Amino acid sequence: MLRAKIGVLLICISVMGLAADYDVVIVNGRVIDPETHLDAIKTLGIRRGSIVTISDQPLVGDRTIDASGLVVAPGFIDVHR
């Protein structure tokens, strides 16, 4: 009986691990943040419109954006419009 319960628990944990942790994941972008002096290729996890994770590790999201060759940075306002 205990062995069956452990098996069910492991299946539940495995399925939960497949669920998206983020709404959007941006991968392979050069992340630049002047405030923290960050300038590196990173993966970002976004939830409800806010960046919640900056990582070197793969992340799982509902949508993935490949930003290879692009810069990912805090919003800039174009005052020259």
Protein backbone atom coordinates (compact mmCIF):
# COMPACT_ATOMS: atom_id res chain seq x y z
CA MET A 1 0.00 0.00 0.00
CA LEU A 2 2.79 2.43 0.89
CA ARG A 3 4.62 1.61 -2.35
CA ALA A 4 1.47 2.47 -4.36
CA LYS A 5 1.10 5.81 -2.53
CA ILE A 6 4.75 6.68 -3.21
CA GLY A 7 4.26 5.84 -6.90
CA VAL A 8 1.22 8.12 -7.12
CA LEU A 9 3.12 10.89 -5.34
CA LEU A 10 6.03 10.62 -7.79
CA ILE A 11 3.66 10.76 -10.76
CA CYS A 12 2.01 13.89 -9.33
CA ILE A 13 5.36 15.56 -8.77
CA SER A 14 6.46 14.69 -12.33
CA VAL A 15 3.30 16.16 -13.85
CA MET A 16 3.60 19.28 -11.71
CA GLY A 17 7.18 19.71 -12.93
CA LEU A 18 5.90 19.92 -16.51
CA ALA A 19 3.60 22.85 -15.77
CA ALA A 20 4.76 26.26 -16.95
CA ASP A 21 6.30 28.30 -14.17
CA TYR A 22 6.10 31.56 -16.15
CA ASP A 23 3.77 33.23 -18.61
CA VAL A 24 6.68 34.16 -20.89
CA VAL A 25 10.30 33.03 -20.98
CA ILE A 26 12.89 35.03 -22.94
CA VAL A 27 15.95 32.95 -23.82
CA ASN A 28 19.40 33.71 -25.26
CA GLY A 29 19.09 37.49 -24.90
CA ARG A 30 21.92 39.76 -23.87
CA VAL A 31 20.50 41.15 -20.64
CA ILE A 32 21.77 44.61 -19.77
CA ASP A 33 20.82 46.38 -16.54
CA PRO A 34 22.83 49.57 -15.93
CA GLU A 35 21.66 49.74 -12.31
CA THR A 36 23.20 46.36 -11.36
CA HIS A 37 25.94 46.40 -14.05
CA LEU A 38 24.59 43.12 -15.45
CA ASP A 39 25.68 42.42 -19.02
CA ALA A 40 25.37 38.73 -19.93
CA ILE A 41 23.41 36.17 -21.92
CA LYS A 42 20.56 35.12 -19.60
CA THR A 43 17.08 33.61 -19.48
CA LEU A 44 14.23 35.67 -18.06
CA GLY A 45 11.02 34.38 -16.50
CA ILE A 46 8.05 36.73 -16.70
CA ARG A 47 4.84 36.32 -14.72
CA ARG A 48 1.86 38.72 -14.92
CA GLY A 49 3.90 41.28 -16.84
CA SER A 50 6.84 41.45 -14.43
CA ILE A 51 10.29 39.90 -14.62
CA VAL A 52 10.48 37.53 -11.65
CA THR A 53 13.58 35.50 -12.51
CA ILE A 54 16.87 36.11 -14.29
CA SER A 55 18.71 32.83 -14.69
CA ASP A 56 21.53 30.92 -16.35
CA GLN A 57 19.33 27.80 -16.22
CA PRO A 58 16.49 26.81 -18.60
CA LEU A 59 13.02 27.97 -17.54
CA VAL A 60 9.56 26.71 -18.56
CA GLY A 61 6.87 29.11 -19.73
CA ASP A 62 3.59 29.16 -21.61
CA ARG A 63 5.37 31.12 -24.35
CA THR A 64 9.07 31.22 -25.18
CA ILE A 65 10.76 34.04 -27.08
CA ASP A 66 14.22 33.47 -28.55
CA ALA A 67 16.13 36.75 -28.25
CA SER A 68 19.38 35.47 -29.81
CA GLY A 69 21.40 38.41 -31.11
CA LEU A 70 19.14 40.90 -29.33
CA VAL A 71 19.52 43.04 -26.21
CA VAL A 72 17.03 42.72 -23.36
CA ALA A 73 17.06 45.79 -21.10
CA PRO A 74 14.80 47.82 -18.81
CA GLY A 75 12.33 50.00 -20.71
CA PHE A 76 13.73 53.16 -22.19
CA ILE A 77 11.63 56.20 -23.00
CA ASP A 78 12.33 57.85 -26.35
CA VAL A 79 12.27 61.53 -25.42
CA HIS A 80 13.12 62.53 -29.01
CA ARG A 81 9.68 61.75 -30.46
